[in-house]
């Protein structure tokens, strides 16, 4: 239980410390991260293939390449890209033989001697995969919160909202009796 709490705290801290663009855009975020790290991060769309990881992080001397399926939804692509970015952020280095052979299939023009690390998005029970999955989810959650806060600040109140606030005041919270369980009575 303690290791789960420590993992959560570490991942939360890592996601909270990131500089995220608002509105959130994955490509822009990855560009910002690449500049901060001083290393190129290339996004490489590939055709999905059976029995291969749905995402790969391939590291060479000069760049990091994130391979992701071109034939899936934009939301799935975004999550795969952030999962692979999370491997970089977490400092994961363990290369699996399956991921290395997948990289050879998907990037046949890249000499194996140049590849330093290959991480594949396959088994989620591995500690590195759990950590990367959690960090990716926390980045998306934080980005959504920042986007909502930015929209709330920048959007002027309409006449209906001004009238409702003058009549009822700001929304209140009510404790439902369960620890940390709160809900809004009403929303504008």
N, C-alpha and C. Protein backbone atom coordinates (compact mmCIF):
# COMPACT_ATOMS: atom_id res chain seq x y z
N UNK A 1 0.82 -1.20 0.00
CA UNK A 1 0.00 0.00 0.00
C UNK A 1 0.87 1.26 0.00
N UNK A 2 1.95 1.23 0.81
CA UNK A 2 2.82 2.41 0.87
C UNK A 2 3.50 2.68 -0.45
N UNK A 3 3.91 1.60 -1.14
CA UNK A 3 4.58 1.82 -2.42
C UNK A 3 3.61 2.41 -3.44
N UNK A 4 2.33 2.03 -3.38
CA UNK A 4 1.32 2.62 -4.26
C UNK A 4 1.17 4.11 -3.97
N UNK A 5 1.16 4.47 -2.71
CA UNK A 5 1.02 5.88 -2.33
C UNK A 5 2.24 6.67 -2.78
N UNK A 6 3.43 6.09 -2.60
CA UNK A 6 4.65 6.78 -3.04
C UNK A 6 4.67 6.94 -4.55
N UNK A 7 4.23 5.89 -5.27
CA UNK A 7 4.17 5.97 -6.73
C UNK A 7 3.22 7.09 -7.14
N UNK A 8 2.05 7.13 -6.54
CA UNK A 8 1.06 8.17 -6.85
C UNK A 8 1.64 9.55 -6.58
N UNK A 9 2.28 9.73 -5.43
CA UNK A 9 2.84 11.03 -5.06
C UNK A 9 3.95 11.45 -6.03
N UNK A 10 4.81 10.50 -6.38
CA UNK A 10 5.90 10.81 -7.32
C UNK A 10 5.35 11.21 -8.68
N UNK A 11 4.40 10.44 -9.17
CA UNK A 11 3.82 10.71 -10.49
C UNK A 11 3.06 12.03 -10.47
N UNK A 12 2.34 12.28 -9.40
CA UNK A 12 1.57 13.53 -9.27
C UNK A 12 2.50 14.74 -9.27
N UNK A 13 3.59 14.63 -8.51
CA UNK A 13 4.57 15.72 -8.45
C UNK A 13 5.19 15.96 -9.82
N UNK A 14 5.52 14.88 -10.51
CA UNK A 14 6.12 14.99 -11.83
C UNK A 14 5.16 15.70 -12.80
N UNK A 15 3.90 15.28 -12.82
CA UNK A 15 2.91 15.90 -13.72
C UNK A 15 2.62 17.35 -13.33
N UNK A 16 2.57 17.62 -12.04
CA UNK A 16 2.27 18.98 -11.57
C UNK A 16 3.41 19.96 -11.88
N UNK A 17 4.63 19.47 -11.97
CA UNK A 17 5.78 20.34 -12.21
C UNK A 17 6.00 20.65 -13.69
N UNK A 18 5.25 20.02 -14.57
CA UNK A 18 5.43 20.24 -16.00
C UNK A 18 4.83 21.57 -16.45
N UNK A 19 5.48 22.18 -17.39
CA UNK A 19 4.97 23.39 -18.02
C UNK A 19 4.08 22.94 -19.18
N UNK A 20 2.77 23.11 -19.05
CA UNK A 20 1.82 22.67 -20.07
C UNK A 20 1.25 23.87 -20.82
N UNK A 21 1.14 23.76 -22.13
CA UNK A 21 0.54 24.86 -22.89
C UNK A 21 -0.98 24.88 -22.69
N UNK A 22 -1.56 26.07 -22.69
CA UNK A 22 -3.02 26.18 -22.66
C UNK A 22 -3.44 27.03 -23.85
N UNK A 23 -4.40 26.58 -24.61
CA UNK A 23 -5.03 25.27 -24.49
C UNK A 23 -4.02 24.17 -24.78
N UNK A 24 -4.29 22.99 -24.20
CA UNK A 24 -3.33 21.90 -24.33
C UNK A 24 -3.30 21.36 -25.74
N UNK A 25 -2.10 21.17 -26.24
CA UNK A 25 -1.85 20.57 -27.54
C UNK A 25 -0.66 19.65 -27.36
N UNK A 26 -0.84 18.36 -27.64
CA UNK A 26 0.21 17.38 -27.39
C UNK A 26 1.48 17.68 -28.16
N UNK A 27 1.37 17.99 -29.44
CA UNK A 27 2.56 18.27 -30.25
C UNK A 27 3.31 19.49 -29.70
N UNK A 28 2.58 20.51 -29.31
CA UNK A 28 3.22 21.70 -28.75
C UNK A 28 3.91 21.39 -27.42
N UNK A 29 3.24 20.59 -26.59
CA UNK A 29 3.83 20.17 -25.32
C UNK A 29 5.13 19.39 -25.56
N UNK A 30 5.11 18.48 -26.52
CA UNK A 30 6.30 17.67 -26.82
C UNK A 30 7.42 18.56 -27.36
N UNK A 31 7.08 19.54 -28.18
CA UNK A 31 8.10 20.50 -28.67
C UNK A 31 8.71 21.28 -27.51
N UNK A 32 7.87 21.74 -26.58
CA UNK A 32 8.37 22.47 -25.41
C UNK A 32 9.31 21.58 -24.59
N UNK A 33 8.91 20.33 -24.39
CA UNK A 33 9.71 19.39 -23.62
C UNK A 33 11.05 19.11 -24.32
N UNK A 34 11.02 18.96 -25.63
CA UNK A 34 12.24 18.71 -26.40
C UNK A 34 13.22 19.89 -26.23
N UNK A 35 12.70 21.11 -26.30
CA UNK A 35 13.57 22.29 -26.12
C UNK A 35 14.15 22.32 -24.71
N UNK A 36 13.33 22.00 -23.72
CA UNK A 36 13.80 21.99 -22.33
C UNK A 36 14.89 20.94 -22.13
N UNK A 37 14.71 19.77 -22.73
CA UNK A 37 15.68 18.67 -22.59
C UNK A 37 16.89 18.85 -23.49
N UNK A 38 16.77 19.68 -24.53
CA UNK A 38 17.87 19.85 -25.46
C UNK A 38 18.06 18.66 -26.38
N UNK A 39 16.99 17.90 -26.61
CA UNK A 39 17.01 16.72 -27.49
C UNK A 39 15.76 16.71 -28.34
N UNK A 40 15.92 16.34 -29.58
CA UNK A 40 14.79 16.24 -30.49
C UNK A 40 13.90 15.08 -30.07
N UNK A 41 12.60 15.31 -30.13
CA UNK A 41 11.61 14.24 -29.94
C UNK A 41 10.77 14.20 -31.21
N UNK A 42 10.87 13.12 -31.93
CA UNK A 42 10.14 12.97 -33.20
C UNK A 42 8.91 12.09 -32.98
N UNK A 43 7.78 12.54 -33.51
CA UNK A 43 6.56 11.72 -33.51
C UNK A 43 6.49 11.02 -34.86
N UNK A 44 6.41 9.68 -34.83
CA UNK A 44 6.43 8.88 -36.05
C UNK A 44 5.17 8.03 -36.12
N UNK A 45 4.20 8.43 -36.96
CA UNK A 45 3.01 7.59 -37.11
C UNK A 45 3.36 6.35 -37.94
N UNK A 46 2.87 5.20 -37.51
CA UNK A 46 3.11 3.95 -38.22
C UNK A 46 1.80 3.17 -38.32
N UNK A 47 1.74 2.27 -39.28
CA UNK A 47 0.57 1.39 -39.40
C UNK A 47 0.63 0.37 -38.26
N UNK A 48 -0.49 0.19 -37.58
CA UNK A 48 -0.54 -0.80 -36.50
C UNK A 48 -0.35 -2.19 -37.08
N UNK A 49 0.34 -3.03 -36.32
CA UNK A 49 0.56 -4.41 -36.74
C UNK A 49 0.24 -5.33 -35.58
N UNK A 50 -0.37 -6.47 -35.87
CA UNK A 50 -0.69 -7.41 -34.79
C UNK A 50 0.58 -7.90 -34.10
N UNK A 51 0.48 -8.14 -32.82
CA UNK A 51 1.55 -8.69 -31.99
C UNK A 51 2.72 -7.73 -31.79
N UNK A 52 2.54 -6.45 -32.13
CA UNK A 52 3.56 -5.45 -31.85
C UNK A 52 2.98 -4.44 -30.86
N UNK A 53 3.83 -3.81 -30.06
CA UNK A 53 3.32 -2.80 -29.12
C UNK A 53 2.58 -1.69 -29.86
N UNK A 54 1.59 -1.09 -29.20
CA UNK A 54 0.85 -0.01 -29.85
C UNK A 54 1.61 1.31 -29.79
N UNK A 55 2.67 1.37 -29.01
CA UNK A 55 3.52 2.55 -28.95
C UNK A 55 4.94 2.13 -28.63
N UNK A 56 5.89 2.87 -29.15
CA UNK A 56 7.30 2.58 -28.88
C UNK A 56 8.06 3.88 -28.66
N UNK A 57 9.00 3.84 -27.75
CA UNK A 57 9.95 4.93 -27.56
C UNK A 57 11.31 4.39 -27.98
N UNK A 58 11.88 4.96 -29.02
CA UNK A 58 13.18 4.53 -29.52
C UNK A 58 14.16 5.69 -29.30
N UNK A 59 15.21 5.42 -28.54
CA UNK A 59 16.19 6.44 -28.21
C UNK A 59 17.50 6.15 -28.94
N UNK A 60 18.02 7.17 -29.61
CA UNK A 60 19.33 7.08 -30.26
C UNK A 60 20.23 8.14 -29.64
N UNK A 61 21.45 8.26 -30.18
CA UNK A 61 22.39 9.27 -29.67
C UNK A 61 21.85 10.69 -29.78
N UNK A 62 21.08 10.95 -30.84
CA UNK A 62 20.71 12.33 -31.15
C UNK A 62 19.24 12.67 -30.96
N UNK A 63 18.38 11.67 -30.86
CA UNK A 63 16.95 11.97 -30.80
C UNK A 63 16.18 10.85 -30.12
N UNK A 64 14.98 11.20 -29.69
CA UNK A 64 14.02 10.22 -29.19
C UNK A 64 12.90 10.17 -30.21
N UNK A 65 12.50 8.97 -30.59
CA UNK A 65 11.41 8.80 -31.54
C UNK A 65 10.27 8.08 -30.85
N UNK A 66 9.07 8.65 -31.00
CA UNK A 66 7.88 8.02 -30.46
C UNK A 66 7.07 7.50 -31.63
N UNK A 67 6.93 6.18 -31.70
CA UNK A 67 6.13 5.54 -32.73
C UNK A 67 4.75 5.28 -32.16
N UNK A 68 3.75 5.65 -32.93
CA UNK A 68 2.37 5.48 -32.48
C UNK A 68 1.53 5.10 -33.69
N UNK A 69 0.41 4.40 -33.47
CA UNK A 69 -0.40 3.96 -34.61
C UNK A 69 -1.12 5.13 -35.28
N UNK A 70 -1.01 5.16 -36.60
CA UNK A 70 -1.68 6.20 -37.38
C UNK A 70 -3.15 5.88 -37.56
N UNK A 71 -3.51 4.63 -37.37
CA UNK A 71 -4.87 4.19 -37.67
C UNK A 71 -5.70 3.93 -36.40
N UNK A 72 -5.59 4.85 -35.45
CA UNK A 72 -6.44 4.80 -34.26
C UNK A 72 -6.99 6.21 -34.03
N UNK A 73 -7.81 6.37 -33.03
CA UNK A 73 -8.45 7.67 -32.79
C UNK A 73 -7.42 8.70 -32.31
N UNK A 74 -7.69 9.97 -32.53
CA UNK A 74 -6.77 11.01 -32.04
C UNK A 74 -6.56 10.95 -30.52
N UNK A 75 -7.61 10.64 -29.77
CA UNK A 75 -7.47 10.55 -28.32
C UNK A 75 -6.54 9.41 -27.93
N UNK A 76 -6.67 8.26 -28.60
CA UNK A 76 -5.79 7.13 -28.34
C UNK A 76 -4.35 7.46 -28.72
N UNK A 77 -4.17 8.12 -29.86
CA UNK A 77 -2.83 8.55 -30.27
C UNK A 77 -2.20 9.47 -29.22
N UNK A 78 -3.00 10.41 -28.74
CA UNK A 78 -2.52 11.36 -27.73
C UNK A 78 -2.06 10.62 -26.47
N UNK A 79 -2.86 9.67 -26.03
CA UNK A 79 -2.50 8.95 -24.80
C UNK A 79 -1.24 8.11 -25.00
N UNK A 80 -1.12 7.48 -26.15
CA UNK A 80 0.08 6.69 -26.45
C UNK A 80 1.31 7.60 -26.46
N UNK A 81 1.21 8.74 -27.11
CA UNK A 81 2.33 9.68 -27.16
C UNK A 81 2.73 10.14 -25.76
N UNK A 82 1.74 10.46 -24.93
CA UNK A 82 2.05 10.91 -23.57
C UNK A 82 2.60 9.78 -22.71
N UNK A 83 2.15 8.56 -22.96
CA UNK A 83 2.69 7.40 -22.25
C UNK A 83 4.19 7.26 -22.55
N UNK A 84 4.55 7.39 -23.81
CA UNK A 84 5.96 7.28 -24.19
C UNK A 84 6.77 8.46 -23.65
N UNK A 85 6.18 9.65 -23.65
CA UNK A 85 6.83 10.82 -23.04
C UNK A 85 7.05 10.56 -21.55
N UNK A 86 6.08 9.92 -20.91
CA UNK A 86 6.21 9.62 -19.48
C UNK A 86 7.42 8.72 -19.21
N UNK A 87 7.71 7.79 -20.12
CA UNK A 87 8.92 6.98 -19.96
C UNK A 87 10.15 7.88 -19.91
N UNK A 88 10.20 8.89 -20.78
CA UNK A 88 11.33 9.83 -20.76
C UNK A 88 11.38 10.60 -19.45
N UNK A 89 10.24 11.12 -19.04
CA UNK A 89 10.17 11.93 -17.82
C UNK A 89 10.55 11.14 -16.58
N UNK A 90 10.19 9.87 -16.57
CA UNK A 90 10.47 9.01 -15.41
C UNK A 90 11.88 8.44 -15.44
N UNK A 91 12.59 8.61 -16.55
CA UNK A 91 13.95 8.10 -16.64
C UNK A 91 14.03 6.59 -16.82
N UNK A 92 13.03 6.00 -17.45
CA UNK A 92 13.04 4.55 -17.67
C UNK A 92 14.07 4.19 -18.74
N UNK A 93 14.82 3.10 -18.50
CA UNK A 93 15.90 2.73 -19.41
C UNK A 93 15.90 1.27 -19.83
N UNK A 94 15.09 0.45 -19.23
CA UNK A 94 15.14 -0.99 -19.50
C UNK A 94 14.57 -1.31 -20.88
N UNK A 95 15.36 -1.97 -21.70
CA UNK A 95 14.95 -2.35 -23.04
C UNK A 95 14.51 -3.81 -23.03
N UNK A 96 13.35 -4.08 -23.60
CA UNK A 96 12.89 -5.47 -23.69
C UNK A 96 13.21 -6.02 -25.07
N UNK A 97 13.49 -7.32 -25.17
CA UNK A 97 13.77 -7.91 -26.49
C UNK A 97 12.59 -7.76 -27.45
N UNK A 98 11.36 -7.88 -26.94
CA UNK A 98 10.18 -7.74 -27.81
C UNK A 98 10.10 -6.33 -28.38
N UNK A 99 10.39 -5.33 -27.56
CA UNK A 99 10.34 -3.95 -28.04
C UNK A 99 11.45 -3.70 -29.06
N UNK A 100 12.63 -4.26 -28.83
CA UNK A 100 13.73 -4.09 -29.78
C UNK A 100 13.40 -4.70 -31.13
N UNK A 101 12.81 -5.89 -31.14
CA UNK A 101 12.45 -6.51 -32.42
C UNK A 101 11.32 -5.75 -33.09
N UNK A 102 10.40 -5.17 -32.30
CA UNK A 102 9.32 -4.35 -32.87
C UNK A 102 9.91 -3.12 -33.54
N UNK A 103 10.90 -2.51 -32.91
CA UNK A 103 11.55 -1.33 -33.50
C UNK A 103 12.22 -1.68 -34.81
N UNK A 104 12.82 -2.85 -34.90
CA UNK A 104 13.47 -3.28 -36.16
C UNK A 104 12.44 -3.47 -37.26
N UNK A 105 11.26 -3.98 -36.90
CA UNK A 105 10.19 -4.18 -37.90
C UNK A 105 9.64 -2.85 -38.36
N UNK A 106 9.40 -1.93 -37.42
CA UNK A 106 8.76 -0.66 -37.73
C UNK A 106 9.73 0.39 -38.28
N UNK A 107 11.01 0.27 -37.93
CA UNK A 107 12.03 1.22 -38.41
C UNK A 107 13.19 0.44 -39.04
N UNK A 108 12.95 -0.25 -40.13
CA UNK A 108 14.00 -1.10 -40.70
C UNK A 108 15.22 -0.30 -41.20
N UNK A 109 15.02 0.96 -41.53
CA UNK A 109 16.12 1.80 -42.02
C UNK A 109 17.04 2.28 -40.91
N UNK A 110 16.65 2.11 -39.65
CA UNK A 110 17.44 2.58 -38.52
C UNK A 110 18.38 1.46 -38.06
N UNK A 111 19.69 1.63 -38.21
CA UNK A 111 20.62 0.59 -37.81
C UNK A 111 20.51 0.28 -36.32
N UNK A 112 20.49 -0.99 -35.98
CA UNK A 112 20.35 -1.42 -34.59
C UNK A 112 21.48 -0.87 -33.72
N UNK A 113 22.65 -0.63 -34.30
CA UNK A 113 23.78 -0.12 -33.53
C UNK A 113 23.54 1.30 -33.01
N UNK A 114 22.62 2.04 -33.63
CA UNK A 114 22.33 3.40 -33.18
C UNK A 114 21.33 3.44 -32.03
N UNK A 115 20.57 2.39 -31.88
CA UNK A 115 19.49 2.37 -30.88
C UNK A 115 20.08 2.09 -29.50
N UNK A 116 19.82 3.00 -28.57
CA UNK A 116 20.31 2.83 -27.20
C UNK A 116 19.24 2.22 -26.30
N UNK A 117 17.98 2.56 -26.59
CA UNK A 117 16.91 2.12 -25.70
C UNK A 117 15.64 2.01 -26.51
N UNK A 118 14.86 0.97 -26.24
CA UNK A 118 13.55 0.82 -26.85
C UNK A 118 12.58 0.39 -25.75
N UNK A 119 11.56 1.18 -25.55
CA UNK A 119 10.53 0.83 -24.58
C UNK A 119 9.22 0.66 -25.33
N UNK A 120 8.56 -0.43 -25.08
CA UNK A 120 7.30 -0.70 -25.78
C UNK A 120 6.12 -0.68 -24.84
N UNK A 121 5.01 -0.27 -25.36
CA UNK A 121 3.77 -0.16 -24.60
C UNK A 121 2.99 -1.46 -24.79
N UNK A 122 3.29 -2.47 -23.96
CA UNK A 122 2.66 -3.78 -24.13
C UNK A 122 2.03 -4.27 -22.84
N UNK A 123 2.83 -4.59 -21.85
CA UNK A 123 2.34 -5.21 -20.61
C UNK A 123 2.22 -4.14 -19.52
N UNK A 124 1.00 -3.94 -19.04
CA UNK A 124 0.77 -2.86 -18.08
C UNK A 124 1.00 -3.27 -16.64
N UNK A 125 1.39 -4.53 -16.41
CA UNK A 125 1.65 -4.96 -15.04
C UNK A 125 3.09 -4.70 -14.64
N UNK A 126 3.95 -4.37 -15.60
CA UNK A 126 5.34 -4.03 -15.29
C UNK A 126 5.36 -2.68 -14.57
N UNK A 127 6.20 -2.52 -13.55
CA UNK A 127 6.24 -1.25 -12.80
C UNK A 127 6.47 -0.02 -13.68
N UNK A 128 7.39 -0.10 -14.65
CA UNK A 128 7.64 1.05 -15.51
C UNK A 128 6.42 1.39 -16.34
N UNK A 129 5.70 0.38 -16.79
CA UNK A 129 4.51 0.63 -17.60
C UNK A 129 3.39 1.23 -16.76
N UNK A 130 3.23 0.75 -15.53
CA UNK A 130 2.23 1.33 -14.62
C UNK A 130 2.55 2.80 -14.36
N UNK A 131 3.81 3.07 -14.10
CA UNK A 131 4.21 4.45 -13.81
C UNK A 131 3.99 5.36 -15.02
N UNK A 132 4.38 4.89 -16.20
CA UNK A 132 4.19 5.69 -17.42
C UNK A 132 2.70 5.92 -17.69
N UNK A 133 1.89 4.90 -17.47
CA UNK A 133 0.45 5.03 -17.71
C UNK A 133 -0.16 6.05 -16.74
N UNK A 134 0.26 6.01 -15.49
CA UNK A 134 -0.25 6.96 -14.49
C UNK A 134 0.18 8.38 -14.82
N UNK A 135 1.45 8.58 -15.18
CA UNK A 135 1.93 9.92 -15.51
C UNK A 135 1.17 10.47 -16.72
N UNK A 136 0.99 9.65 -17.75
CA UNK A 136 0.25 10.10 -18.94
C UNK A 136 -1.17 10.53 -18.57
N UNK A 137 -1.83 9.74 -17.74
CA UNK A 137 -3.19 10.08 -17.32
C UNK A 137 -3.22 11.36 -16.49
N UNK A 138 -2.25 11.53 -15.62
CA UNK A 138 -2.19 12.74 -14.79
C UNK A 138 -1.89 13.98 -15.63
N UNK A 139 -1.06 13.84 -16.66
CA UNK A 139 -0.80 14.97 -17.56
C UNK A 139 -2.09 15.39 -18.25
N UNK A 140 -2.83 14.41 -18.77
CA UNK A 140 -4.09 14.72 -19.45
C UNK A 140 -5.10 15.34 -18.49
N UNK A 141 -5.17 14.83 -17.27
CA UNK A 141 -6.09 15.37 -16.28
C UNK A 141 -5.73 16.82 -15.93
N UNK A 142 -4.45 17.06 -15.70
CA UNK A 142 -4.01 18.43 -15.37
C UNK A 142 -4.25 19.37 -16.55
N UNK A 143 -3.98 18.90 -17.77
CA UNK A 143 -4.22 19.73 -18.96
C UNK A 143 -5.69 20.11 -19.07
N UNK A 144 -6.57 19.15 -18.81
CA UNK A 144 -8.02 19.43 -18.86
C UNK A 144 -8.41 20.45 -17.80
N UNK A 145 -7.84 20.32 -16.60
CA UNK A 145 -8.14 21.29 -15.54
C UNK A 145 -7.66 22.69 -15.92
N UNK A 146 -6.46 22.78 -16.45
CA UNK A 146 -5.94 24.09 -16.87
C UNK A 146 -6.77 24.69 -17.99
N UNK A 147 -7.18 23.86 -18.94
CA UNK A 147 -8.02 24.35 -20.04
C UNK A 147 -9.36 24.86 -19.51
N UNK A 148 -9.96 24.13 -18.57
CA UNK A 148 -11.25 24.57 -18.00
C UNK A 148 -11.07 25.88 -17.23
N UNK A 149 -10.02 25.97 -16.44
CA UNK A 149 -9.77 27.19 -15.65
C UNK A 149 -9.50 28.37 -16.57
N UNK A 150 -8.73 28.14 -17.64
CA UNK A 150 -8.43 29.19 -18.60
C UNK A 150 -9.71 29.66 -19.30
N UNK A 151 -10.56 28.70 -19.66
CA UNK A 151 -11.82 29.05 -20.33
C UNK A 151 -12.74 29.83 -19.38
N UNK A 152 -12.76 29.45 -18.11
CA UNK A 152 -13.62 30.13 -17.14
C UNK A 152 -13.16 31.56 -16.90
N UNK A 153 -11.87 31.78 -16.88
CA UNK A 153 -11.32 33.11 -16.64
C UNK A 153 -11.51 34.00 -17.86
N UNK A 154 -11.29 33.42 -19.04
CA UNK A 154 -11.33 34.24 -20.24
C UNK A 154 -12.74 34.45 -20.80
N UNK A 155 -13.68 33.60 -20.41
CA UNK A 155 -15.04 33.74 -20.92
C UNK A 155 -15.82 34.74 -20.07
N UNK A 156 -16.29 35.80 -20.67
CA UNK A 156 -17.07 36.77 -19.88
C UNK A 156 -18.42 36.16 -19.51
N UNK A 157 -18.91 36.58 -18.36
CA UNK A 157 -20.21 36.09 -17.90
C UNK A 157 -21.31 36.66 -18.78
N UNK A 158 -22.21 35.78 -19.20
CA UNK A 158 -23.35 36.22 -19.99
C UNK A 158 -24.40 36.83 -19.08
N UNK A 159 -25.40 37.46 -19.67
CA UNK A 159 -26.43 38.11 -18.84
C UNK A 159 -27.19 37.13 -17.95
N UNK A 160 -27.40 35.90 -18.43
CA UNK A 160 -28.11 34.91 -17.61
C UNK A 160 -27.29 34.54 -16.38
N UNK A 161 -25.98 34.36 -16.58
CA UNK A 161 -25.11 34.00 -15.46
C UNK A 161 -25.05 35.14 -14.45
N UNK A 162 -24.93 36.37 -14.92
CA UNK A 162 -24.88 37.52 -14.02
C UNK A 162 -26.18 37.58 -13.20
N UNK A 163 -27.31 37.37 -13.86
CA UNK A 163 -28.60 37.43 -13.16
C UNK A 163 -28.72 36.32 -12.12
N UNK A 164 -28.35 35.09 -12.49
CA UNK A 164 -28.42 33.98 -11.55
C UNK A 164 -27.50 34.20 -10.35
N UNK A 165 -26.31 34.67 -10.60
CA UNK A 165 -25.38 34.92 -9.49
C UNK A 165 -25.92 36.02 -8.57
N UNK A 166 -26.57 37.04 -9.13
CA UNK A 166 -27.09 38.11 -8.29
C UNK A 166 -28.27 37.60 -7.46
N UNK A 167 -29.02 36.63 -7.99
CA UNK A 167 -30.15 36.09 -7.25
C UNK A 167 -29.75 35.06 -6.21
N UNK A 168 -28.82 34.15 -6.60
CA UNK A 168 -28.52 33.01 -5.73
C UNK A 168 -27.11 33.01 -5.15
N UNK A 169 -26.25 33.85 -5.62
CA UNK A 169 -24.87 33.82 -5.15
C UNK A 169 -24.11 32.70 -5.83
N UNK A 170 -22.85 32.51 -5.45
CA UNK A 170 -22.04 31.47 -6.08
C UNK A 170 -22.52 30.08 -5.66
N UNK A 171 -22.25 29.05 -6.45
CA UNK A 171 -22.65 27.69 -6.09
C UNK A 171 -22.02 27.29 -4.76
N UNK A 172 -22.79 26.56 -3.96
CA UNK A 172 -22.29 26.08 -2.67
C UNK A 172 -22.01 24.60 -2.77
N UNK A 173 -21.21 24.12 -1.86
CA UNK A 173 -20.91 22.69 -1.80
C UNK A 173 -21.62 22.10 -0.59
N UNK A 174 -22.02 20.85 -0.73
CA UNK A 174 -22.69 20.18 0.37
C UNK A 174 -21.95 18.89 0.65
N UNK A 175 -21.68 18.61 1.92
CA UNK A 175 -21.04 17.36 2.30
C UNK A 175 -22.08 16.26 2.31
N UNK A 176 -21.80 15.15 1.61
CA UNK A 176 -22.77 14.07 1.52
C UNK A 176 -22.64 13.09 2.66
N UNK A 177 -21.75 13.33 3.60
CA UNK A 177 -21.58 12.42 4.72
C UNK A 177 -20.41 11.47 4.53
N UNK A 178 -19.99 11.25 3.32
CA UNK A 178 -18.83 10.39 3.07
C UNK A 178 -17.59 11.27 3.10
N UNK A 179 -16.48 10.76 3.64
CA UNK A 179 -15.25 11.57 3.64
C UNK A 179 -14.86 11.96 2.22
N UNK A 180 -14.54 13.22 2.05
CA UNK A 180 -14.08 13.77 0.78
C UNK A 180 -15.09 13.65 -0.35
N UNK A 181 -16.32 13.31 -0.07
CA UNK A 181 -17.32 13.23 -1.14
C UNK A 181 -18.17 14.49 -1.09
N UNK A 182 -18.01 15.32 -2.07
CA UNK A 182 -18.77 16.58 -2.15
C UNK A 182 -19.34 16.72 -3.52
N UNK A 183 -20.46 17.42 -3.60
CA UNK A 183 -21.05 17.66 -4.91
C UNK A 183 -21.66 19.04 -4.94
N UNK A 184 -21.80 19.57 -6.12
CA UNK A 184 -22.44 20.89 -6.27
C UNK A 184 -23.94 20.72 -6.18
N UNK A 185 -24.59 21.70 -5.54
CA UNK A 185 -26.04 21.69 -5.49
C UNK A 185 -26.60 22.09 -6.85
N UNK A 186 -25.97 23.01 -7.49
CA UNK A 186 -26.41 23.44 -8.81
C UNK A 186 -25.21 24.04 -9.54
N UNK A 187 -25.31 24.05 -10.84
CA UNK A 187 -24.25 24.62 -11.66
C UNK A 187 -24.83 25.63 -12.61
N UNK A 188 -24.02 26.59 -12.95
CA UNK A 188 -24.44 27.58 -13.95
C UNK A 188 -23.96 27.12 -15.29
